[in-house]
C-alpha atoms as a PDB file:
ATOM      1  CA  MET A   1     168.443 122.210  69.789  1.00  0.00           C
ATOM      2  CA  ALA A   2     165.600 122.499  72.256  1.00  0.00           C
ATOM      3  CA  ASP A   3     162.857 122.271  69.617  1.00  0.00           C
ATOM      4  CA  ALA A   4     163.962 118.976  68.062  1.00  0.00           C
ATOM      5  CA  HIS A   5     163.258 115.413  69.135  1.00  0.00           C
ATOM      6  CA  VAL A   6     165.516 112.457  68.417  1.00  0.00           C
ATOM      7  CA  ASP A   7     163.662 109.163  68.037  1.00  0.00           C
ATOM      8  CA  ALA A   8     165.504 106.073  69.275  1.00  0.00           C
ATOM      9  CA  HIS A   9     164.574 104.164  66.107  1.00  0.00           C
ATOM     10  CA  ASN A  10     165.255 107.053  63.748  1.00  0.00           C
ATOM     11  CA  PRO A  11     168.324 109.169  64.561  1.00  0.00           C
ATOM     12  CA  ARG A  12     167.197 112.078  62.372  1.00  0.00           C
ATOM     13  CA  ARG A  13     165.903 115.139  64.194  1.00  0.00           C
ATOM     14  CA  VAL A  14     162.148 115.570  64.047  1.00  0.00           C
ATOM     15  CA  PRO A  15     160.838 119.100  64.638  1.00  0.00           C
ATOM     16  CA  GLN A  16     158.244 119.440  67.373  1.00  0.00           C
ATOM     17  CA  THR A  17     154.885 121.096  66.715  1.00  0.00           C
ATOM     18  CA  GLY A  18     154.808 123.230  69.850  1.00  0.00           C
ATOM     19  CA  GLY A  19     153.410 126.287  68.075  1.00  0.00           C
ATOM     20  CA  LEU A  20     150.320 124.545  66.732  1.00  0.00           C
ATOM     21  CA  PRO A  21     146.990 124.172  68.536  1.00  0.00           C
ATOM     22  CA  PRO A  22     145.947 120.710  69.752  1.00  0.00           C
ATOM     23  CA  ALA A  23     144.945 118.220  67.054  1.00  0.00           C
ATOM     24  CA  SER A  24     141.376 118.043  68.352  1.00  0.00           C
ATOM     25  CA  PHE A  25     140.943 121.788  67.826  1.00  0.00           C
ATOM     26  CA  ARG A  26     142.424 121.601  64.316  1.00  0.00           C
ATOM     27  CA  PHE A  27     140.055 118.714  63.480  1.00  0.00           C
ATOM     28  CA  ASP A  28     136.996 120.595  64.774  1.00  0.00           C
ATOM     29  CA  LEU A  29     137.990 123.692  62.827  1.00  0.00           C
ATOM     30  CA  THR A  30     138.420 121.625  59.653  1.00  0.00           C
ATOM     31  CA  VAL A  31     135.014 119.957  60.085  1.00  0.00           C
ATOM     32  CA  ASP A  32     133.339 123.324  60.688  1.00  0.00           C
ATOM     33  CA  THR A  33     135.015 124.848  57.644  1.00  0.00           C
ATOM     34  CA  LEU A  34     133.976 121.936  55.411  1.00  0.00           C
ATOM     35  CA  ALA A  35     130.388 122.055  56.708  1.00  0.00           C
ATOM     36  CA  LEU A  36     130.097 125.796  56.093  1.00  0.00           C
ATOM     37  CA  SER A  37     131.654 125.483  52.643  1.00  0.00           C
ATOM     38  CA  TYR A  38     129.278 122.676  51.681  1.00  0.00           C
ATOM     39  CA  GLY A  39     126.291 124.614  53.013  1.00  0.00           C
ATOM     40  CA  TYR A  40     127.290 127.695  51.053  1.00  0.00           C
ATOM     41  CA  TYR A  41     127.773 125.576  47.921  1.00  0.00           C
ATOM     42  CA  CYS A  42     124.298 124.026  48.269  1.00  0.00           C
ATOM     43  CA  LEU A  43     122.588 127.364  48.905  1.00  0.00           C
ATOM     44  CA  HIS A  44     124.405 128.988  46.011  1.00  0.00           C
ATOM     45  CA  HIS A  45     123.353 126.245  43.600  1.00  0.00           C
ATOM     46  CA  LEU A  46     119.739 126.413  44.809  1.00  0.00           C
ATOM     47  CA  GLY A  47     119.715 130.132  44.091  1.00  0.00           C
ATOM     48  CA  LEU A  48     119.400 131.077  47.774  1.00  0.00           C
ATOM     49  CA  GLY A  49     122.943 132.291  48.409  1.00  0.00           C
ATOM     50  CA  PRO A  50     124.199 135.866  48.239  1.00  0.00           C
ATOM     51  CA  THR A  51     124.896 137.178  44.768  1.00  0.00           C
END
């Protein structure tokens, strides 16, 4: 299996995450999503958000 990695300390096969973007990108995307969600929540509760 080309997409599996065998750890020397753990003989079970661990799937690689080759299809995912780098962790830094995923973290930035998560932070942006949380910031936008929180901003929308605040505006909505202040009566300034879209109806």
